[in-house]
Each structure stands twice: as structure tokens, then as C-alpha cells.
Amino acid sequence: MIANSQELQIALRSLRILEESLAALRQQLSAANPDLLAATAPTYTQRITALQAEIANYFYAHPSDVSQLAAALPNETLAA
């Protein structure tokens, strides 16, 4: 459970790392070793889903932090 904005930043960073790692894994293994991809990808997706839920719960409990986060994001991130 995310308790404060510092833990939120850690969770967001972890989420980004996991998403990038899963994308790299898919790129490297989709053709080379699809069985290994099928065996490893669910672990990543489960952790990503759990982190997304924790972040959503934090924002639900702390709605003012949503605007602070949006203000800290680069403009190209918001446009995506």
C-alpha cells in the first residue's frame, strides 16, 4: 500500500521499469523463444497490474496528488 507521495514516486518508477522490461522481453523473445516469453511474461503483467491498482487506490484517497503529478509530467507525456 502506498502511504505517501515519496512511495508514490517509487511505485511510478517501478511501474515504468516493469513496463519497459516487459516490452524488451517481448521484443527479444517473441520470435526467438516464445515458450520462454509465455512462461515469464505473466509475472511481469501481474506485478504491473498490482502496481497500477495500488497507484489508483492512492490517487482515489489523495486526489490532490493527481494534479501535482500532472504538473510534474513533461507536456509530451500528457499529449500521448
PDB file of N, CA and C in Angstrom:
ATOM      1  N   MET A   1       0.838  -1.179   0.000  1.00  0.00           N
ATOM      2  CA  MET A   1       0.000   0.000   0.000  1.00  0.00           C
ATOM      3  C   MET A   1       0.883   1.243   0.000  1.00  0.00           C
ATOM      4  N   ILE A   2       0.582   2.155  -0.866  1.00  0.00           N
ATOM      5  CA  ILE A   2       1.329   3.405  -0.978  1.00  0.00           C
ATOM      6  C   ILE A   2       0.798   4.364   0.089  1.00  0.00           C
ATOM      7  N   ALA A   3       1.697   4.867   0.923  1.00  0.00           N
ATOM      8  CA  ALA A   3       1.274   5.686   2.058  1.00  0.00           C
ATOM      9  C   ALA A   3       1.509   7.181   1.861  1.00  0.00           C
ATOM     10  N   ASN A   4       2.429   7.548   0.967  1.00  0.00           N
ATOM     11  CA  ASN A   4       2.737   8.972   0.820  1.00  0.00           C
ATOM     12  C   ASN A   4       3.295   9.243  -0.585  1.00  0.00           C
ATOM     13  N   SER A   5       3.554  10.511  -0.854  1.00  0.00           N
ATOM     14  CA  SER A   5       3.990  10.890  -2.201  1.00  0.00           C
ATOM     15  C   SER A   5       5.367  10.327  -2.542  1.00  0.00           C
ATOM     16  N   GLN A   6       6.222  10.125  -1.558  1.00  0.00           N
ATOM     17  CA  GLN A   6       7.527   9.529  -1.831  1.00  0.00           C
ATOM     18  C   GLN A   6       7.365   8.074  -2.283  1.00  0.00           C
ATOM     19  N   GLU A   7       6.509   7.334  -1.610  1.00  0.00           N
ATOM     20  CA  GLU A   7       6.236   5.954  -2.012  1.00  0.00           C
ATOM     21  C   GLU A   7       5.541   5.915  -3.373  1.00  0.00           C
ATOM     22  N   LEU A   8       4.720   6.920  -3.645  1.00  0.00           N
ATOM     23  CA  LEU A   8       4.082   7.010  -4.953  1.00  0.00           C
ATOM     24  C   LEU A   8       5.128   7.155  -6.050  1.00  0.00           C
ATOM     25  N   GLN A   9       6.103   8.008  -5.845  1.00  0.00           N
ATOM     26  CA  GLN A   9       7.156   8.196  -6.844  1.00  0.00           C
ATOM     27  C   GLN A   9       7.922   6.898  -7.077  1.00  0.00           C
ATOM     28  N   ILE A  10       8.172   6.160  -6.005  1.00  0.00           N
ATOM     29  CA  ILE A  10       8.862   4.870  -6.135  1.00  0.00           C
ATOM     30  C   ILE A  10       7.996   3.889  -6.921  1.00  0.00           C
ATOM     31  N   ALA A  11       6.712   3.860  -6.623  1.00  0.00           N
ATOM     32  CA  ALA A  11       5.799   2.964  -7.334  1.00  0.00           C
ATOM     33  C   ALA A  11       5.714   3.325  -8.813  1.00  0.00           C
ATOM     34  N   LEU A  12       5.649   4.605  -9.118  1.00  0.00           N
ATOM     35  CA  LEU A  12       5.591   5.040 -10.519  1.00  0.00           C
ATOM     36  C   LEU A  12       6.867   4.667 -11.262  1.00  0.00           C
ATOM     37  N   ARG A  13       8.004   4.844 -10.604  1.00  0.00           N
ATOM     38  CA  ARG A  13       9.282   4.475 -11.215  1.00  0.00           C
ATOM     39  C   ARG A  13       9.339   2.960 -11.434  1.00  0.00           C
ATOM     40  N   SER A  14       8.902   2.195 -10.450  1.00  0.00           N
ATOM     41  CA  SER A  14       8.882   0.732 -10.578  1.00  0.00           C
ATOM     42  C   SER A  14       7.967   0.294 -11.710  1.00  0.00           C
ATOM     43  N   LEU A  15       6.821   0.946 -11.814  1.00  0.00           N
ATOM     44  CA  LEU A  15       5.880   0.627 -12.885  1.00  0.00           C
ATOM     45  C   LEU A  15       6.512   0.873 -14.248  1.00  0.00           C
ATOM     46  N   ARG A  16       7.162   2.009 -14.398  1.00  0.00           N
ATOM     47  CA  ARG A  16       7.821   2.324 -15.674  1.00  0.00           C
ATOM     48  C   ARG A  16       8.892   1.290 -16.009  1.00  0.00           C
ATOM     49  N   ILE A  17       9.684   0.908 -15.015  1.00  0.00           N
ATOM     50  CA  ILE A  17      10.746  -0.077 -15.237  1.00  0.00           C
ATOM     51  C   ILE A  17      10.156  -1.425 -15.642  1.00  0.00           C
ATOM     52  N   LEU A  18       9.115  -1.847 -14.957  1.00  0.00           N
ATOM     53  CA  LEU A  18       8.479  -3.119 -15.300  1.00  0.00           C
ATOM     54  C   LEU A  18       7.884  -3.100 -16.703  1.00  0.00           C
ATOM     55  N   GLU A  19       7.211  -2.004 -17.054  1.00  0.00           N
ATOM     56  CA  GLU A  19       6.622  -1.903 -18.396  1.00  0.00           C
ATOM     57  C   GLU A  19       7.700  -1.924 -19.473  1.00  0.00           C
ATOM     58  N   GLU A  20       8.799  -1.207 -19.236  1.00  0.00           N
ATOM     59  CA  GLU A  20       9.892  -1.196 -20.213  1.00  0.00           C
ATOM     60  C   GLU A  20      10.565  -2.560 -20.293  1.00  0.00           C
ATOM     61  N   SER A  21      10.703  -3.227 -19.162  1.00  0.00           N
ATOM     62  CA  SER A  21      11.314  -4.557 -19.145  1.00  0.00           C
ATOM     63  C   SER A  21      10.456  -5.563 -19.892  1.00  0.00           C
ATOM     64  N   LEU A  22       9.148  -5.502 -19.684  1.00  0.00           N
ATOM     65  CA  LEU A  22       8.246  -6.412 -20.386  1.00  0.00           C
ATOM     66  C   LEU A  22       8.281  -6.157 -21.888  1.00  0.00           C
ATOM     67  N   ALA A  23       8.317  -4.896 -22.279  1.00  0.00           N
ATOM     68  CA  ALA A  23       8.397  -4.575 -23.710  1.00  0.00           C
ATOM     69  C   ALA A  23       9.688  -5.128 -24.322  1.00  0.00           C
ATOM     70  N   ALA A  24      10.796  -4.989 -23.614  1.00  0.00           N
ATOM     71  CA  ALA A  24      12.075  -5.508 -24.109  1.00  0.00           C
ATOM     72  C   ALA A  24      12.048  -7.030 -24.172  1.00  0.00           C
ATOM     73  N   LEU A  25      11.459  -7.639 -23.170  1.00  0.00           N
ATOM     74  CA  LEU A  25      11.340  -9.095 -23.150  1.00  0.00           C
ATOM     75  C   LEU A  25      10.527  -9.583 -24.343  1.00  0.00           C
ATOM     76  N   ARG A  26       9.428  -8.924 -24.591  1.00  0.00           N
ATOM     77  CA  ARG A  26       8.589  -9.302 -25.742  1.00  0.00           C
ATOM     78  C   ARG A  26       9.342  -9.134 -27.051  1.00  0.00           C
ATOM     79  N   GLN A  27      10.066  -8.038 -27.166  1.00  0.00           N
ATOM     80  CA  GLN A  27      10.812  -7.783 -28.399  1.00  0.00           C
ATOM     81  C   GLN A  27      11.887  -8.848 -28.609  1.00  0.00           C
ATOM     82  N   GLN A  28      12.565  -9.221 -27.548  1.00  0.00           N
ATOM     83  CA  GLN A  28      13.674 -10.171 -27.675  1.00  0.00           C
ATOM     84  C   GLN A  28      13.216 -11.618 -27.811  1.00  0.00           C
ATOM     85  N   LEU A  29      12.103 -11.961 -27.165  1.00  0.00           N
ATOM     86  CA  LEU A  29      11.735 -13.368 -27.113  1.00  0.00           C
ATOM     87  C   LEU A  29      10.568 -13.773 -27.990  1.00  0.00           C
ATOM     88  N   SER A  30       9.826 -12.831 -28.523  1.00  0.00           N
ATOM     89  CA  SER A  30       8.624 -13.205 -29.274  1.00  0.00           C
ATOM     90  C   SER A  30       8.950 -14.126 -30.443  1.00  0.00           C
ATOM     91  N   ALA A  31      10.036 -13.886 -31.121  1.00  0.00           N
ATOM     92  CA  ALA A  31      10.415 -14.748 -32.241  1.00  0.00           C
ATOM     93  C   ALA A  31      11.453 -15.788 -31.820  1.00  0.00           C
ATOM     94  N   ALA A  32      12.363 -15.394 -30.944  1.00  0.00           N
ATOM     95  CA  ALA A  32      13.476 -16.273 -30.595  1.00  0.00           C
ATOM     96  C   ALA A  32      13.075 -17.423 -29.670  1.00  0.00           C
ATOM     97  N   ASN A  33      12.205 -17.143 -28.703  1.00  0.00           N
ATOM     98  CA  ASN A  33      11.845 -18.174 -27.741  1.00  0.00           C
ATOM     99  C   ASN A  33      10.458 -17.889 -27.162  1.00  0.00           C
ATOM    100  N   PRO A  34       9.417 -18.115 -27.956  1.00  0.00           N
ATOM    101  CA  PRO A  34       8.060 -17.800 -27.499  1.00  0.00           C
ATOM    102  C   PRO A  34       7.627 -18.578 -26.260  1.00  0.00           C
ATOM    103  N   ASP A  35       8.163 -19.782 -26.057  1.00  0.00           N
ATOM    104  CA  ASP A  35       7.808 -20.558 -24.862  1.00  0.00           C
ATOM    105  C   ASP A  35       8.334 -19.886 -23.593  1.00  0.00           C
ATOM    106  N   LEU A  36       9.538 -19.376 -23.665  1.00  0.00           N
ATOM    107  CA  LEU A  36      10.100 -18.659 -22.516  1.00  0.00           C
ATOM    108  C   LEU A  36       9.325 -17.375 -22.260  1.00  0.00           C
ATOM    109  N   LEU A  37       8.939 -16.694 -23.305  1.00  0.00           N
ATOM    110  CA  LEU A  37       8.130 -15.493 -23.159  1.00  0.00           C
ATOM    111  C   LEU A  37       6.803 -15.819 -22.485  1.00  0.00           C
ATOM    112  N   ALA A  38       6.162 -16.884 -22.927  1.00  0.00           N
ATOM    113  CA  ALA A  38       4.885 -17.294 -22.340  1.00  0.00           C
ATOM    114  C   ALA A  38       5.031 -17.662 -20.869  1.00  0.00           C
ATOM    115  N   ALA A  39       6.189 -18.173 -20.499  1.00  0.00           N
ATOM    116  CA  ALA A  39       6.419 -18.561 -19.109  1.00  0.00           C
ATOM    117  C   ALA A  39       6.759 -17.379 -18.213  1.00  0.00           C
ATOM    118  N   THR A  40       7.410 -16.366 -18.756  1.00  0.00           N
ATOM    119  CA  THR A  40       7.885 -15.254 -17.922  1.00  0.00           C
ATOM    120  C   THR A  40       6.988 -14.022 -17.943  1.00  0.00           C
ATOM    121  N   ALA A  41       6.325 -13.769 -19.028  1.00  0.00           N
ATOM    122  CA  ALA A  41       5.528 -12.546 -19.155  1.00  0.00           C
ATOM    123  C   ALA A  41       4.421 -12.417 -18.109  1.00  0.00           C
ATOM    124  N   PRO A  42       3.732 -13.488 -17.737  1.00  0.00           N
ATOM    125  CA  PRO A  42       2.658 -13.335 -16.744  1.00  0.00           C
ATOM    126  C   PRO A  42       3.124 -12.755 -15.404  1.00  0.00           C
ATOM    127  N   THR A  43       4.340 -13.055 -15.005  1.00  0.00           N
ATOM    128  CA  THR A  43       4.866 -12.498 -13.758  1.00  0.00           C
ATOM    129  C   THR A  43       4.970 -10.981 -13.859  1.00  0.00           C
ATOM    130  N   TYR A  44       5.452 -10.506 -14.986  1.00  0.00           N
ATOM    131  CA  TYR A  44       5.544  -9.061 -15.203  1.00  0.00           C
ATOM    132  C   TYR A  44       4.161  -8.425 -15.230  1.00  0.00           C
ATOM    133  N   THR A  45       3.254  -9.023 -15.987  1.00  0.00           N
ATOM    134  CA  THR A  45       1.926  -8.418 -16.120  1.00  0.00           C
ATOM    135  C   THR A  45       1.169  -8.421 -14.794  1.00  0.00           C
ATOM    136  N   GLN A  46       1.345  -9.455 -13.981  1.00  0.00           N
ATOM    137  CA  GLN A  46       0.693  -9.477 -12.668  1.00  0.00           C
ATOM    138  C   GLN A  46       1.224  -8.368 -11.773  1.00  0.00           C
ATOM    139  N   ARG A  47       2.519  -8.165 -11.780  1.00  0.00           N
ATOM    140  CA  ARG A  47       3.108  -7.102 -10.942  1.00  0.00           C
ATOM    141  C   ARG A  47       2.702  -5.729 -11.461  1.00  0.00           C
ATOM    142  N   ILE A  48       2.663  -5.563 -12.774  1.00  0.00           N
ATOM    143  CA  ILE A  48       2.218  -4.294 -13.362  1.00  0.00           C
ATOM    144  C   ILE A  48       0.778  -4.001 -12.956  1.00  0.00           C
ATOM    145  N   THR A  49      -0.080  -4.997 -13.064  1.00  0.00           N
ATOM    146  CA  THR A  49      -1.486  -4.826 -12.685  1.00  0.00           C
ATOM    147  C   THR A  49      -1.619  -4.470 -11.208  1.00  0.00           C
ATOM    148  N   ALA A  50      -0.834  -5.121 -10.358  1.00  0.00           N
ATOM    149  CA  ALA A  50      -0.884  -4.835  -8.923  1.00  0.00           C
ATOM    150  C   ALA A  50      -0.415  -3.411  -8.625  1.00  0.00           C
ATOM    151  N   LEU A  51       0.656  -2.989  -9.265  1.00  0.00           N
ATOM    152  CA  LEU A  51       1.149  -1.623  -9.060  1.00  0.00           C
ATOM    153  C   LEU A  51       0.143  -0.588  -9.558  1.00  0.00           C
ATOM    154  N   GLN A  52      -0.463  -0.853 -10.707  1.00  0.00           N
ATOM    155  CA  GLN A  52      -1.474   0.063 -11.232  1.00  0.00           C
ATOM    156  C   GLN A  52      -2.633   0.201 -10.255  1.00  0.00           C
ATOM    157  N   ALA A  53      -3.036  -0.897  -9.649  1.00  0.00           N
ATOM    158  CA  ALA A  53      -4.131  -0.858  -8.669  1.00  0.00           C
ATOM    159  C   ALA A  53      -3.722  -0.070  -7.427  1.00  0.00           C
ATOM    160  N   GLU A  54      -2.496  -0.282  -6.954  1.00  0.00           N
ATOM    161  CA  GLU A  54      -2.011   0.458  -5.791  1.00  0.00           C
ATOM    162  C   GLU A  54      -1.967   1.961  -6.086  1.00  0.00           C
ATOM    163  N   ILE A  55      -1.499   2.321  -7.262  1.00  0.00           N
ATOM    164  CA  ILE A  55      -1.416   3.731  -7.649  1.00  0.00           C
ATOM    165  C   ILE A  55      -2.814   4.328  -7.753  1.00  0.00           C
ATOM    166  N   ALA A  56      -3.728   3.603  -8.374  1.00  0.00           N
ATOM    167  CA  ALA A  56      -5.108   4.087  -8.489  1.00  0.00           C
ATOM    168  C   ALA A  56      -5.741   4.270  -7.113  1.00  0.00           C
ATOM    169  N   ASN A  57      -5.512   3.337  -6.207  1.00  0.00           N
ATOM    170  CA  ASN A  57      -6.047   3.464  -4.853  1.00  0.00           C
ATOM    171  C   ASN A  57      -5.467   4.672  -4.129  1.00  0.00           C
ATOM    172  N   TYR A  58      -4.186   4.915  -4.329  1.00  0.00           N
ATOM    173  CA  TYR A  58      -3.559   6.087  -3.713  1.00  0.00           C
ATOM    174  C   TYR A  58      -4.190   7.369  -4.251  1.00  0.00           C
ATOM    175  N   PHE A  59      -4.350   7.446  -5.563  1.00  0.00           N
ATOM    176  CA  PHE A  59      -4.956   8.642  -6.151  1.00  0.00           C
ATOM    177  C   PHE A  59      -6.409   8.819  -5.721  1.00  0.00           C
ATOM    178  N   TYR A  60      -7.113   7.721  -5.535  1.00  0.00           N
ATOM    179  CA  TYR A  60      -8.500   7.802  -5.059  1.00  0.00           C
ATOM    180  C   TYR A  60      -8.531   8.410  -3.652  1.00  0.00           C
ATOM    181  N   ALA A  61      -7.572   8.005  -2.823  1.00  0.00           N
ATOM    182  CA  ALA A  61      -7.511   8.512  -1.448  1.00  0.00           C
ATOM    183  C   ALA A  61      -6.875   9.895  -1.352  1.00  0.00           C
ATOM    184  N   HIS A  62      -6.079  10.265  -2.357  1.00  0.00           N
ATOM    185  CA  HIS A  62      -5.353  11.545  -2.354  1.00  0.00           C
ATOM    186  C   HIS A  62      -5.526  12.254  -3.703  1.00  0.00           C
ATOM    187  N   PRO A  63      -6.730  12.710  -4.019  1.00  0.00           N
ATOM    188  CA  PRO A  63      -6.974  13.279  -5.350  1.00  0.00           C
ATOM    189  C   PRO A  63      -6.133  14.512  -5.655  1.00  0.00           C
ATOM    190  N   SER A  64      -5.713  15.245  -4.655  1.00  0.00           N
ATOM    191  CA  SER A  64      -4.908  16.446  -4.928  1.00  0.00           C
ATOM    192  C   SER A  64      -3.544  16.079  -5.511  1.00  0.00           C
ATOM    193  N   ASP A  65      -3.057  14.877  -5.240  1.00  0.00           N
ATOM    194  CA  ASP A  65      -1.770  14.460  -5.786  1.00  0.00           C
ATOM    195  C   ASP A  65      -1.818  14.213  -7.287  1.00  0.00           C
ATOM    196  N   VAL A  66      -3.003  13.990  -7.830  1.00  0.00           N
ATOM    197  CA  VAL A  66      -3.129  13.793  -9.272  1.00  0.00           C
ATOM    198  C   VAL A  66      -2.688  15.058 -10.000  1.00  0.00           C
ATOM    199  N   SER A  67      -3.135  16.205  -9.544  1.00  0.00           N
ATOM    200  CA  SER A  67      -2.762  17.457 -10.204  1.00  0.00           C
ATOM    201  C   SER A  67      -1.277  17.752 -10.022  1.00  0.00           C
ATOM    202  N   GLN A  68      -0.711  17.388  -8.884  1.00  0.00           N
ATOM    203  CA  GLN A  68       0.726  17.585  -8.680  1.00  0.00           C
ATOM    204  C   GLN A  68       1.528  16.707  -9.631  1.00  0.00           C
ATOM    205  N   LEU A  69       1.070  15.490  -9.816  1.00  0.00           N
ATOM    206  CA  LEU A  69       1.750  14.584 -10.736  1.00  0.00           C
ATOM    207  C   LEU A  69       1.642  15.100 -12.164  1.00  0.00           C
ATOM    208  N   ALA A  70       0.454  15.534 -12.550  1.00  0.00           N
ATOM    209  CA  ALA A  70       0.254  16.051 -13.907  1.00  0.00           C
ATOM    210  C   ALA A  70       1.135  17.268 -14.157  1.00  0.00           C
ATOM    211  N   ALA A  71       1.292  18.110 -13.161  1.00  0.00           N
ATOM    212  CA  ALA A  71       2.142  19.301 -13.308  1.00  0.00           C
ATOM    213  C   ALA A  71       3.602  18.929 -13.471  1.00  0.00           C
ATOM    214  N   ALA A  72       4.006  17.798 -12.896  1.00  0.00           N
ATOM    215  CA  ALA A  72       5.407  17.381 -12.958  1.00  0.00           C
ATOM    216  C   ALA A  72       5.743  16.629 -14.234  1.00  0.00           C
ATOM    217  N   LEU A  73       4.741  16.151 -14.968  1.00  0.00           N
ATOM    218  CA  LEU A  73       4.992  15.391 -16.189  1.00  0.00           C
ATOM    219  C   LEU A  73       5.367  16.304 -17.336  1.00  0.00           C
ATOM    220  N   PRO A  74       6.239  15.832 -18.215  1.00  0.00           N
ATOM    221  CA  PRO A  74       6.539  16.613 -19.423  1.00  0.00           C
ATOM    222  C   PRO A  74       5.287  16.717 -20.298  1.00  0.00           C
ATOM    223  N   ASN A  75       5.181  17.785 -21.051  1.00  0.00           N
ATOM    224  CA  ASN A  75       3.998  18.020 -21.892  1.00  0.00           C
ATOM    225  C   ASN A  75       3.761  16.899 -22.896  1.00  0.00           C
ATOM    226  N   GLU A  76       4.821  16.305 -23.451  1.00  0.00           N
ATOM    227  CA  GLU A  76       4.627  15.250 -24.442  1.00  0.00           C
ATOM    228  C   GLU A  76       4.009  14.003 -23.810  1.00  0.00           C
ATOM    229  N   THR A  77       4.223  13.789 -22.512  1.00  0.00           N
ATOM    230  CA  THR A  77       3.613  12.649 -21.819  1.00  0.00           C
ATOM    231  C   THR A  77       2.108  12.841 -21.728  1.00  0.00           C
ATOM    232  N   LEU A  78       1.681  14.057 -21.446  1.00  0.00           N
ATOM    233  CA  LEU A  78       0.259  14.331 -21.320  1.00  0.00           C
ATOM    234  C   LEU A  78      -0.453  14.253 -22.661  1.00  0.00           C
ATOM    235  N   ALA A  79       0.237  14.548 -23.740  1.00  0.00           N
ATOM    236  CA  ALA A  79      -0.381  14.531 -25.061  1.00  0.00           C
ATOM    237  C   ALA A  79      -0.540  13.102 -25.595  1.00  0.00           C
ATOM    238  N   ALA A  80       0.232  12.170 -25.060  1.00  0.00           N
ATOM    239  CA  ALA A  80       0.210  10.790 -25.563  1.00  0.00           C
ATOM    240  C   ALA A  80      -1.043  10.041 -25.225  1.00  0.00           C
TER     241      ALA A  80
END
